[in-house]
């Protein structure tokens, strides 16, 4: 099932998230590794909120993924995707480059 996810990057974690995503080590070795990396590379940021769409087959949405997501994000909210996800915002990789270089 596809889910719409919103969250806020934990203070001080933008650089770590950028490194994990750029190196391909985000969720390395987990069954959901490729899907999480794809989803976050396509995520967008508006203000402090990061939004993305992720496919998950857990009985509880993103149950397995939360242990990785909670390293980098606070206030994670997950809801079934209905229709098209909202558009607009700065691509997460671009946001992370500017946030971790400043």
C-alpha atoms as a PDB file:
ATOM      1  CA  UNK A   1       0.000   0.000   0.000  1.00  0.00           C
ATOM      2  CA  UNK A   2       1.172   3.535  -0.647  1.00  0.00           C
ATOM      3  CA  UNK A   3       1.404   6.010   2.192  1.00  0.00           C
ATOM      4  CA  UNK A   4       1.805   9.783   2.382  1.00  0.00           C
ATOM      5  CA  UNK A   5       4.396  10.580   5.041  1.00  0.00           C
ATOM      6  CA  UNK A   6       5.197  13.904   6.672  1.00  0.00           C
ATOM      7  CA  UNK A   7       7.935  14.547   9.212  1.00  0.00           C
ATOM      8  CA  UNK A   8      10.461  17.086  10.436  1.00  0.00           C
ATOM      9  CA  UNK A   9      14.209  16.546  10.281  1.00  0.00           C
ATOM     10  CA  UNK A  10      15.638  16.146  13.772  1.00  0.00           C
ATOM     11  CA  UNK A  11      17.795  19.125  14.796  1.00  0.00           C
ATOM     12  CA  UNK A  12      21.411  18.535  13.796  1.00  0.00           C
ATOM     13  CA  UNK A  13      20.626  15.503  11.623  1.00  0.00           C
ATOM     14  CA  UNK A  14      20.519  17.078   8.144  1.00  0.00           C
ATOM     15  CA  UNK A  15      24.198  16.302   7.506  1.00  0.00           C
ATOM     16  CA  UNK A  16      23.873  12.696   8.669  1.00  0.00           C
ATOM     17  CA  UNK A  17      20.755  12.171   6.577  1.00  0.00           C
ATOM     18  CA  UNK A  18      22.454  13.695   3.548  1.00  0.00           C
ATOM     19  CA  UNK A  19      25.481  11.422   3.949  1.00  0.00           C
ATOM     20  CA  UNK A  20      23.354   8.301   4.436  1.00  0.00           C
ATOM     21  CA  UNK A  21      21.219   9.096   1.406  1.00  0.00           C
ATOM     22  CA  UNK A  22      24.083  10.116  -0.897  1.00  0.00           C
ATOM     23  CA  UNK A  23      26.250   7.139   0.079  1.00  0.00           C
ATOM     24  CA  UNK A  24      23.406   4.652  -0.328  1.00  0.00           C
ATOM     25  CA  UNK A  25      23.840   3.507   3.276  1.00  0.00           C
ATOM     26  CA  UNK A  26      20.382   4.638   4.371  1.00  0.00           C
ATOM     27  CA  UNK A  27      18.636   1.493   5.684  1.00  0.00           C
ATOM     28  CA  UNK A  28      21.490  -0.593   4.266  1.00  0.00           C
ATOM     29  CA  UNK A  29      20.748  -4.309   4.408  1.00  0.00           C
ATOM     30  CA  UNK A  30      17.065  -3.873   5.232  1.00  0.00           C
ATOM     31  CA  UNK A  31      14.382  -5.361   2.985  1.00  0.00           C
ATOM     32  CA  UNK A  32      12.937  -1.851   2.499  1.00  0.00           C
ATOM     33  CA  UNK A  33      16.320  -0.225   1.703  1.00  0.00           C
ATOM     34  CA  UNK A  34      15.693   0.521  -1.997  1.00  0.00           C
ATOM     35  CA  UNK A  35      12.151   1.786  -1.416  1.00  0.00           C
ATOM     36  CA  UNK A  36      13.171   4.086   1.432  1.00  0.00           C
ATOM     37  CA  UNK A  37      16.076   5.515  -0.551  1.00  0.00           C
ATOM     38  CA  UNK A  38      13.834   6.089  -3.592  1.00  0.00           C
ATOM     39  CA  UNK A  39      11.117   7.698  -1.480  1.00  0.00           C
ATOM     40  CA  UNK A  40      13.472  10.097   0.298  1.00  0.00           C
ATOM     41  CA  UNK A  41      15.303  11.046  -2.886  1.00  0.00           C
ATOM     42  CA  UNK A  42      11.896  12.078  -4.272  1.00  0.00           C
ATOM     43  CA  UNK A  43      10.770  13.785  -1.034  1.00  0.00           C
ATOM     44  CA  UNK A  44      10.139  17.524  -0.893  1.00  0.00           C
ATOM     45  CA  UNK A  45      10.501  20.097   1.869  1.00  0.00           C
ATOM     46  CA  UNK A  46       8.161  22.990   2.586  1.00  0.00           C
ATOM     47  CA  UNK A  47       9.199  25.106   5.534  1.00  0.00           C
ATOM     48  CA  UNK A  48      10.218  22.555   8.157  1.00  0.00           C
ATOM     49  CA  UNK A  49       8.019  19.733   6.855  1.00  0.00           C
ATOM     50  CA  UNK A  50       9.349  16.914   4.668  1.00  0.00           C
ATOM     51  CA  UNK A  51       6.763  15.057   2.563  1.00  0.00           C
ATOM     52  CA  UNK A  52       7.109  11.822   0.651  1.00  0.00           C
ATOM     53  CA  UNK A  53       5.218   8.803  -0.609  1.00  0.00           C
ATOM     54  CA  UNK A  54       6.389   5.364   0.405  1.00  0.00           C
ATOM     55  CA  UNK A  55       5.169   1.855  -0.369  1.00  0.00           C
ATOM     56  CA  UNK A  56       4.915  -0.472   2.615  1.00  0.00           C
ATOM     57  CA  UNK A  57       3.402  -3.914   3.187  1.00  0.00           C
ATOM     58  CA  UNK A  58       3.618  -3.983   6.998  1.00  0.00           C
ATOM     59  CA  UNK A  59       0.419  -4.643   8.944  1.00  0.00           C
ATOM     60  CA  UNK A  60       1.072  -1.329  10.707  1.00  0.00           C
ATOM     61  CA  UNK A  61       2.205   1.371   8.232  1.00  0.00           C
ATOM     62  CA  UNK A  62       6.004   1.779   8.159  1.00  0.00           C
ATOM     63  CA  UNK A  63       6.364  -0.349  11.296  1.00  0.00           C
ATOM     64  CA  UNK A  64       9.707  -1.825  10.205  1.00  0.00           C
ATOM     65  CA  UNK A  65      10.955   1.432   8.690  1.00  0.00           C
ATOM     66  CA  UNK A  66      10.371   3.539  11.813  1.00  0.00           C
ATOM     67  CA  UNK A  67      13.592   2.419  13.496  1.00  0.00           C
ATOM     68  CA  UNK A  68      15.557   4.033  10.654  1.00  0.00           C
ATOM     69  CA  UNK A  69      13.249   7.002  10.090  1.00  0.00           C
ATOM     70  CA  UNK A  70      13.303   7.942  13.780  1.00  0.00           C
ATOM     71  CA  UNK A  71      17.088   8.371  13.614  1.00  0.00           C
ATOM     72  CA  UNK A  72      16.601  11.326  11.290  1.00  0.00           C
ATOM     73  CA  UNK A  73      13.007  12.547  11.716  1.00  0.00           C
ATOM     74  CA  UNK A  74      10.602  13.750  14.417  1.00  0.00           C
ATOM     75  CA  UNK A  75       6.832  14.101  14.243  1.00  0.00           C
ATOM     76  CA  UNK A  76       6.407  11.319  11.685  1.00  0.00           C
ATOM     77  CA  UNK A  77       2.842  11.087  10.429  1.00  0.00           C
ATOM     78  CA  UNK A  78       1.666   8.368   8.045  1.00  0.00           C
ATOM     79  CA  UNK A  79      -1.661   8.149   6.225  1.00  0.00           C
ATOM     80  CA  UNK A  80      -2.863   6.071   3.301  1.00  0.00           C
ATOM     81  CA  UNK A  81      -2.282   7.893   0.031  1.00  0.00           C
ATOM     82  CA  UNK A  82      -5.577   8.918  -1.531  1.00  0.00           C
ATOM     83  CA  UNK A  83      -5.289  10.475  -4.977  1.00  0.00           C
ATOM     84  CA  UNK A  84      -2.139  12.309  -5.907  1.00  0.00           C
ATOM     85  CA  UNK A  85       0.322  13.496  -3.254  1.00  0.00           C
ATOM     86  CA  UNK A  86       0.554  17.273  -2.798  1.00  0.00           C
ATOM     87  CA  UNK A  87       3.071  18.872  -5.133  1.00  0.00           C
ATOM     88  CA  UNK A  88       5.537  21.693  -4.627  1.00  0.00           C
ATOM     89  CA  UNK A  89       8.439  22.229  -2.310  1.00  0.00           C
ATOM     90  CA  UNK A  90      12.217  21.965  -2.473  1.00  0.00           C
ATOM     91  CA  UNK A  91      13.615  18.505  -3.290  1.00  0.00           C
ATOM     92  CA  UNK A  92      14.959  16.937  -0.075  1.00  0.00           C
ATOM     93  CA  UNK A  93      18.459  16.248  -1.494  1.00  0.00           C
ATOM     94  CA  UNK A  94      18.778  19.935  -2.460  1.00  0.00           C
ATOM     95  CA  UNK A  95      17.502  21.046   0.949  1.00  0.00           C
ATOM     96  CA  UNK A  96      19.984  18.758   2.717  1.00  0.00           C
ATOM     97  CA  UNK A  97      22.920  20.093   0.695  1.00  0.00           C
ATOM     98  CA  UNK A  98      22.098  23.682   1.656  1.00  0.00           C
ATOM     99  CA  UNK A  99      21.209  22.831   5.278  1.00  0.00           C
ATOM    100  CA  UNK A 100      24.367  20.848   5.940  1.00  0.00           C
ATOM    101  CA  UNK A 101      26.743  23.248   4.185  1.00  0.00           C
ATOM    102  CA  UNK A 102      25.695  26.331   6.134  1.00  0.00           C
END
